Amino acid sequence: MNLIAHTNALIIDLRQCQGGNPGMVALISSYLFAGEPIHLNSLYWREEDFTQQYWTLPYVPGQRFVDKPVYVLTSSGTFSAGEEFAYNLQTRQRATLVGETTGGGAHPGSPYRLHPHFEAFIPVGRAINPITNENWEGCGVAPDVAATQEEALTVAYRLALESIIESIGKPASPPVARLLHEAQTALADSS
């Protein structure tokens, strides 16, 4: 995250992310928020009748990426923890999702052998978002800006450039004027 701390916008590509760990979702999310810890998501575990909460961390090594635009690329292949990350940022209005509706896997599960030749994957838990009190199971996470998987990066790149140009306004110094010119040139070239 230190490598990108001084950039003007961030594009996170989750188009092929098929899952991960909610603890890692919380860690990476922690870099995108400032201030007091934020409740991102909870997982209710049926067998233990226990709800586990996931929050942003009060401390992260390195610099945070706050007050700058974040774009998250999604596809129908984005699943599970990738969806959680996208949904958490979307419900907190911290990122703009660009791409396709995700796969719709919000309930953690386990495989159960029903027969020597047959196994079933059965949900054992349920994700609960503290903002919506819902999750994305079966319906996926809808993007803010719809685009095909193949077009998502180009669309997000253009949105990021437009945001940079707008945030600069009238440049106050020669280095900022060069940045503005670079962004305007890149936007024209991306057409």
C-alpha atoms as a PDB file:
ATOM      1  CA  MET A   1       0.000   0.000   0.000  1.00  0.00           C
ATOM      2  CA  ASN A   2       2.978   2.336   0.500  1.00  0.00           C
ATOM      3  CA  LEU A   3       3.675   2.097  -3.231  1.00  0.00           C
ATOM      4  CA  ILE A   4       0.279   3.572  -4.108  1.00  0.00           C
ATOM      5  CA  ALA A   5      -0.139   5.988  -1.182  1.00  0.00           C
ATOM      6  CA  HIS A   6       0.711   9.038  -3.282  1.00  0.00           C
ATOM      7  CA  THR A   7      -1.380   8.192  -6.331  1.00  0.00           C
ATOM      8  CA  ASN A   8      -4.528  10.168  -7.188  1.00  0.00           C
ATOM      9  CA  ALA A   9      -6.919   7.227  -7.669  1.00  0.00           C
ATOM     10  CA  LEU A  10      -6.947   3.471  -7.151  1.00  0.00           C
ATOM     11  CA  ILE A  11      -8.398   0.676  -9.287  1.00  0.00           C
ATOM     12  CA  ILE A  12      -8.722  -2.730  -7.603  1.00  0.00           C
ATOM     13  CA  ASP A  13      -9.330  -5.640  -9.970  1.00  0.00           C
ATOM     14  CA  LEU A  14     -11.492  -8.394  -8.458  1.00  0.00           C
ATOM     15  CA  ARG A  15     -12.784  -9.774 -11.758  1.00  0.00           C
ATOM     16  CA  GLN A  16     -11.129 -13.141 -11.165  1.00  0.00           C
ATOM     17  CA  CYS A  17     -11.179 -13.190  -7.354  1.00  0.00           C
ATOM     18  CA  GLN A  18     -13.036 -16.333  -6.305  1.00  0.00           C
ATOM     19  CA  GLY A  19     -12.703 -15.983  -2.566  1.00  0.00           C
ATOM     20  CA  GLY A  20     -10.413 -15.478   0.357  1.00  0.00           C
ATOM     21  CA  ASN A  21     -10.450 -14.740   4.048  1.00  0.00           C
ATOM     22  CA  PRO A  22     -12.686 -12.143   5.752  1.00  0.00           C
ATOM     23  CA  GLY A  23      -9.740 -11.164   7.955  1.00  0.00           C
ATOM     24  CA  MET A  24      -7.769 -10.201   4.849  1.00  0.00           C
ATOM     25  CA  VAL A  25     -10.797  -8.260   3.549  1.00  0.00           C
ATOM     26  CA  ALA A  26     -10.771  -6.296   6.821  1.00  0.00           C
ATOM     27  CA  LEU A  27      -7.010  -5.696   6.642  1.00  0.00           C
ATOM     28  CA  ILE A  28      -7.042  -4.335   3.092  1.00  0.00           C
ATOM     29  CA  SER A  29     -10.186  -2.321   3.806  1.00  0.00           C
ATOM     30  CA  SER A  30      -8.415  -0.757   6.788  1.00  0.00           C
ATOM     31  CA  TYR A  31      -6.097   1.064   4.395  1.00  0.00           C
ATOM     32  CA  LEU A  32      -9.066   2.719   2.677  1.00  0.00           C
ATOM     33  CA  PHE A  33     -10.693   4.280   5.758  1.00  0.00           C
ATOM     34  CA  ALA A  34      -9.432   6.782   8.327  1.00  0.00           C
ATOM     35  CA  GLY A  35     -10.472   7.420  11.892  1.00  0.00           C
ATOM     36  CA  GLU A  36     -12.231   5.107  14.290  1.00  0.00           C
ATOM     37  CA  PRO A  37     -12.605   1.410  13.364  1.00  0.00           C
ATOM     38  CA  ILE A  38     -15.588   0.708  11.095  1.00  0.00           C
ATOM     39  CA  HIS A  39     -17.768  -2.391  11.339  1.00  0.00           C
ATOM     40  CA  LEU A  40     -17.521  -3.953   7.870  1.00  0.00           C
ATOM     41  CA  ASN A  41     -19.346  -7.281   8.103  1.00  0.00           C
ATOM     42  CA  SER A  42     -20.398 -10.062  10.442  1.00  0.00           C
ATOM     43  CA  LEU A  43     -20.564 -13.806   9.963  1.00  0.00           C
ATOM     44  CA  TYR A  44     -23.209 -15.745  11.858  1.00  0.00           C
ATOM     45  CA  TRP A  45     -22.184 -19.366  12.489  1.00  0.00           C
ATOM     46  CA  ARG A  46     -25.246 -21.586  12.870  1.00  0.00           C
ATOM     47  CA  GLU A  47     -23.750 -24.550  14.741  1.00  0.00           C
ATOM     48  CA  GLU A  48     -22.104 -22.397  17.423  1.00  0.00           C
ATOM     49  CA  ASP A  49     -24.932 -19.813  17.397  1.00  0.00           C
ATOM     50  CA  PHE A  50     -22.170 -17.215  17.323  1.00  0.00           C
ATOM     51  CA  THR A  51     -21.714 -13.982  15.383  1.00  0.00           C
ATOM     52  CA  GLN A  52     -18.172 -12.952  14.477  1.00  0.00           C
ATOM     53  CA  GLN A  53     -17.641  -9.277  13.611  1.00  0.00           C
ATOM     54  CA  TYR A  54     -15.043  -7.871  11.213  1.00  0.00           C
ATOM     55  CA  TRP A  55     -13.859  -4.278  11.657  1.00  0.00           C
ATOM     56  CA  THR A  56     -11.236  -2.061  10.077  1.00  0.00           C
ATOM     57  CA  LEU A  57      -8.061  -1.950  12.118  1.00  0.00           C
ATOM     58  CA  PRO A  58      -7.102   1.094  14.191  1.00  0.00           C
ATOM     59  CA  TYR A  59      -3.475   0.705  13.074  1.00  0.00           C
ATOM     60  CA  VAL A  60      -1.974  -0.448   9.790  1.00  0.00           C
ATOM     61  CA  PRO A  61       1.697  -0.518   8.863  1.00  0.00           C
ATOM     62  CA  GLY A  62       2.329   2.128   6.248  1.00  0.00           C
ATOM     63  CA  GLN A  63       0.123   4.852   4.853  1.00  0.00           C
ATOM     64  CA  ARG A  64      -3.625   4.755   4.357  1.00  0.00           C
ATOM     65  CA  PHE A  65      -5.308   5.614   1.055  1.00  0.00           C
ATOM     66  CA  VAL A  66      -8.122   7.941   2.123  1.00  0.00           C
ATOM     67  CA  ASP A  67     -10.031  10.849   0.572  1.00  0.00           C
ATOM     68  CA  LYS A  68      -9.169   9.652  -2.924  1.00  0.00           C
ATOM     69  CA  PRO A  69     -11.375   7.747  -5.368  1.00  0.00           C
ATOM     70  CA  VAL A  70     -11.356   3.957  -5.401  1.00  0.00           C
ATOM     71  CA  TYR A  71     -12.798   1.865  -8.242  1.00  0.00           C
ATOM     72  CA  VAL A  72     -13.419  -1.866  -7.861  1.00  0.00           C
ATOM     73  CA  LEU A  73     -13.696  -4.061 -10.971  1.00  0.00           C
ATOM     74  CA  THR A  74     -16.160  -6.953 -10.747  1.00  0.00           C
ATOM     75  CA  SER A  75     -17.373  -9.771 -12.965  1.00  0.00           C
ATOM     76  CA  SER A  76     -19.773 -12.683 -12.734  1.00  0.00           C
ATOM     77  CA  GLY A  77     -16.719 -14.688 -11.600  1.00  0.00           C
ATOM     78  CA  THR A  78     -16.108 -12.477  -8.550  1.00  0.00           C
ATOM     79  CA  PHE A  79     -17.181 -14.608  -5.600  1.00  0.00           C
ATOM     80  CA  SER A  80     -17.236 -14.931  -1.800  1.00  0.00           C
ATOM     81  CA  ALA A  81     -14.611 -12.728  -0.097  1.00  0.00           C
ATOM     82  CA  GLY A  82     -14.126 -10.741  -3.321  1.00  0.00           C
ATOM     83  CA  GLU A  83     -17.825  -9.960  -3.196  1.00  0.00           C
ATOM     84  CA  GLU A  84     -17.633  -9.096   0.487  1.00  0.00           C
ATOM     85  CA  PHE A  85     -14.853  -6.593  -0.176  1.00  0.00           C
ATOM     86  CA  ALA A  86     -16.838  -4.985  -3.013  1.00  0.00           C
ATOM     87  CA  TYR A  87     -20.111  -4.980  -1.029  1.00  0.00           C
ATOM     88  CA  ASN A  88     -18.486  -3.534   2.101  1.00  0.00           C
ATOM     89  CA  LEU A  89     -16.929  -0.668   0.152  1.00  0.00           C
ATOM     90  CA  GLN A  90     -20.119  -0.050  -1.821  1.00  0.00           C
ATOM     91  CA  THR A  91     -22.387   0.077   1.238  1.00  0.00           C
ATOM     92  CA  ARG A  92     -19.938   2.464   2.935  1.00  0.00           C
ATOM     93  CA  GLN A  93     -19.827   4.589  -0.256  1.00  0.00           C
ATOM     94  CA  ARG A  94     -16.051   4.218  -0.298  1.00  0.00           C
ATOM     95  CA  ALA A  95     -15.700   2.813  -3.826  1.00  0.00           C
ATOM     96  CA  THR A  96     -17.394   2.821  -7.197  1.00  0.00           C
ATOM     97  CA  LEU A  97     -17.991  -0.699  -8.486  1.00  0.00           C
ATOM     98  CA  VAL A  98     -17.471  -1.090 -12.235  1.00  0.00           C
ATOM     99  CA  GLY A  99     -18.263  -4.232 -14.207  1.00  0.00           C
ATOM    100  CA  GLU A 100     -20.748  -7.062 -13.894  1.00  0.00           C
ATOM    101  CA  THR A 101     -22.957  -8.372 -11.102  1.00  0.00           C
ATOM    102  CA  THR A 102     -20.936 -10.815  -9.022  1.00  0.00           C
ATOM    103  CA  GLY A 103     -21.583 -14.539  -8.503  1.00  0.00           C
ATOM    104  CA  GLY A 104     -23.668 -14.388  -5.312  1.00  0.00           C
ATOM    105  CA  GLY A 105     -21.838 -16.433  -2.664  1.00  0.00           C
ATOM    106  CA  ALA A 106     -22.234 -14.908   0.806  1.00  0.00           C
ATOM    107  CA  HIS A 107     -22.847 -17.969   2.986  1.00  0.00           C
ATOM    108  CA  PRO A 108     -19.783 -19.890   4.132  1.00  0.00           C
ATOM    109  CA  GLY A 109     -20.226 -23.612   3.904  1.00  0.00           C
ATOM    110  CA  SER A 110     -18.584 -26.976   4.259  1.00  0.00           C
ATOM    111  CA  PRO A 111     -18.626 -30.145   2.198  1.00  0.00           C
ATOM    112  CA  TYR A 112     -20.561 -33.061   3.698  1.00  0.00           C
ATOM    113  CA  ARG A 113     -20.200 -36.603   2.397  1.00  0.00           C
ATOM    114  CA  LEU A 114     -23.674 -38.035   1.845  1.00  0.00           C
ATOM    115  CA  HIS A 115     -22.565 -41.223   0.133  1.00  0.00           C
ATOM    116  CA  PRO A 116     -19.187 -42.647  -0.912  1.00  0.00           C
ATOM    117  CA  HIS A 117     -19.791 -41.121  -4.361  1.00  0.00           C
ATOM    118  CA  PHE A 118     -21.795 -38.040  -3.439  1.00  0.00           C
ATOM    119  CA  GLU A 119     -20.932 -34.914  -1.488  1.00  0.00           C
ATOM    120  CA  ALA A 120     -22.972 -31.763  -0.813  1.00  0.00           C
ATOM    121  CA  PHE A 121     -21.749 -28.267  -0.002  1.00  0.00           C
ATOM    122  CA  ILE A 122     -24.025 -26.992   2.765  1.00  0.00           C
ATOM    123  CA  PRO A 123     -24.094 -23.452   4.191  1.00  0.00           C
ATOM    124  CA  VAL A 124     -23.031 -23.300   7.836  1.00  0.00           C
ATOM    125  CA  GLY A 125     -23.049 -19.539   8.227  1.00  0.00           C
ATOM    126  CA  ARG A 126     -24.463 -16.297   6.928  1.00  0.00           C
ATOM    127  CA  ALA A 127     -22.851 -12.927   6.172  1.00  0.00           C
ATOM    128  CA  ILE A 128     -24.651  -9.924   7.667  1.00  0.00           C
ATOM    129  CA  ASN A 129     -23.771  -6.409   6.531  1.00  0.00           C
ATOM    130  CA  PRO A 130     -24.216  -3.845   9.338  1.00  0.00           C
ATOM    131  CA  ILE A 131     -25.609  -1.220   6.938  1.00  0.00           C
ATOM    132  CA  THR A 132     -28.139  -3.327   5.010  1.00  0.00           C
ATOM    133  CA  ASN A 133     -28.639  -6.239   7.468  1.00  0.00           C
ATOM    134  CA  GLU A 134     -28.549  -8.330   4.280  1.00  0.00           C
ATOM    135  CA  ASN A 135     -25.940  -9.886   2.027  1.00  0.00           C
ATOM    136  CA  TRP A 136     -25.362 -10.824  -1.607  1.00  0.00           C
ATOM    137  CA  GLU A 137     -26.232 -14.542  -1.431  1.00  0.00           C
ATOM    138  CA  GLY A 138     -27.874 -15.701  -4.650  1.00  0.00           C
ATOM    139  CA  CYS A 139     -28.206 -12.215  -6.161  1.00  0.00           C
ATOM    140  CA  GLY A 140     -24.607 -11.007  -6.272  1.00  0.00           C
ATOM    141  CA  VAL A 141     -23.323  -7.474  -5.867  1.00  0.00           C
ATOM    142  CA  ALA A 142     -24.583  -5.133  -8.580  1.00  0.00           C
ATOM    143  CA  PRO A 143     -22.037  -2.641  -9.922  1.00  0.00           C
ATOM    144  CA  ASP A 144     -22.544   1.120  -9.722  1.00  0.00           C
ATOM    145  CA  VAL A 145     -21.409   1.369 -13.342  1.00  0.00           C
ATOM    146  CA  ALA A 146     -22.336  -1.595 -15.528  1.00  0.00           C
ATOM    147  CA  ALA A 147     -19.723  -2.744 -18.038  1.00  0.00           C
ATOM    148  CA  THR A 148     -18.691  -6.069 -19.483  1.00  0.00           C
ATOM    149  CA  GLN A 149     -15.817  -7.828 -17.785  1.00  0.00           C
ATOM    150  CA  GLU A 150     -13.637  -6.936 -20.767  1.00  0.00           C
ATOM    151  CA  GLU A 151     -14.576  -3.221 -20.700  1.00  0.00           C
ATOM    152  CA  ALA A 152     -14.478  -2.708 -16.925  1.00  0.00           C
ATOM    153  CA  LEU A 153     -10.845  -1.595 -16.669  1.00  0.00           C
ATOM    154  CA  THR A 154     -11.181   0.931 -19.513  1.00  0.00           C
ATOM    155  CA  VAL A 155     -14.379   2.365 -17.997  1.00  0.00           C
ATOM    156  CA  ALA A 156     -12.838   2.627 -14.502  1.00  0.00           C
ATOM    157  CA  TYR A 157      -9.658   4.189 -15.923  1.00  0.00           C
ATOM    158  CA  ARG A 158     -11.695   6.880 -17.667  1.00  0.00           C
ATOM    159  CA  LEU A 159     -13.700   7.534 -14.484  1.00  0.00           C
ATOM    160  CA  ALA A 160     -10.475   7.842 -12.483  1.00  0.00           C
ATOM    161  CA  LEU A 161      -8.988  10.293 -14.984  1.00  0.00           C
ATOM    162  CA  GLU A 162     -12.168  12.381 -14.980  1.00  0.00           C
ATOM    163  CA  SER A 163     -12.088  12.446 -11.172  1.00  0.00           C
ATOM    164  CA  ILE A 164      -8.438  13.550 -11.134  1.00  0.00           C
ATOM    165  CA  ILE A 165      -9.115  16.328 -13.652  1.00  0.00           C
ATOM    166  CA  GLU A 166     -12.104  17.538 -11.644  1.00  0.00           C
ATOM    167  CA  SER A 167     -10.211  17.484  -8.328  1.00  0.00           C
ATOM    168  CA  ILE A 168      -7.313  19.530  -9.731  1.00  0.00           C
ATOM    169  CA  GLY A 169      -9.489  22.343 -11.062  1.00  0.00           C
ATOM    170  CA  LYS A 170      -7.250  25.304 -11.817  1.00  0.00           C
ATOM    171  CA  PRO A 171      -3.642  24.224 -11.182  1.00  0.00           C
ATOM    172  CA  ALA A 172      -1.845  26.247  -8.509  1.00  0.00           C
ATOM    173  CA  SER A 173       1.701  25.234  -9.470  1.00  0.00           C
ATOM    174  CA  PRO A 174       3.660  23.992 -12.493  1.00  0.00           C
ATOM    175  CA  PRO A 175       3.868  20.379 -11.198  1.00  0.00           C
ATOM    176  CA  VAL A 176       0.085  20.296 -10.739  1.00  0.00           C
ATOM    177  CA  ALA A 177      -0.358  21.824 -14.207  1.00  0.00           C
ATOM    178  CA  ARG A 178       1.783  18.988 -15.622  1.00  0.00           C
ATOM    179  CA  LEU A 179      -0.346  16.414 -13.787  1.00  0.00           C
ATOM    180  CA  LEU A 180      -3.507  17.998 -15.175  1.00  0.00           C
ATOM    181  CA  HIS A 181      -2.089  17.950 -18.708  1.00  0.00           C
ATOM    182  CA  GLU A 182      -1.011  14.312 -18.301  1.00  0.00           C
ATOM    183  CA  ALA A 183      -4.496  13.302 -17.095  1.00  0.00           C
ATOM    184  CA  GLN A 184      -6.213  15.232 -19.911  1.00  0.00           C
ATOM    185  CA  THR A 185      -3.923  13.637 -22.513  1.00  0.00           C
ATOM    186  CA  ALA A 186      -4.507  10.136 -21.096  1.00  0.00           C
ATOM    187  CA  LEU A 187      -8.276  10.715 -21.102  1.00  0.00           C
ATOM    188  CA  ALA A 188      -8.204  11.869 -24.738  1.00  0.00           C
ATOM    189  CA  ASP A 189      -6.045   8.880 -25.691  1.00  0.00           C
ATOM    190  CA  SER A 190      -8.413   6.432 -23.979  1.00  0.00           C
ATOM    191  CA  SER A 191     -11.330   7.405 -26.227  1.00  0.00           C
END
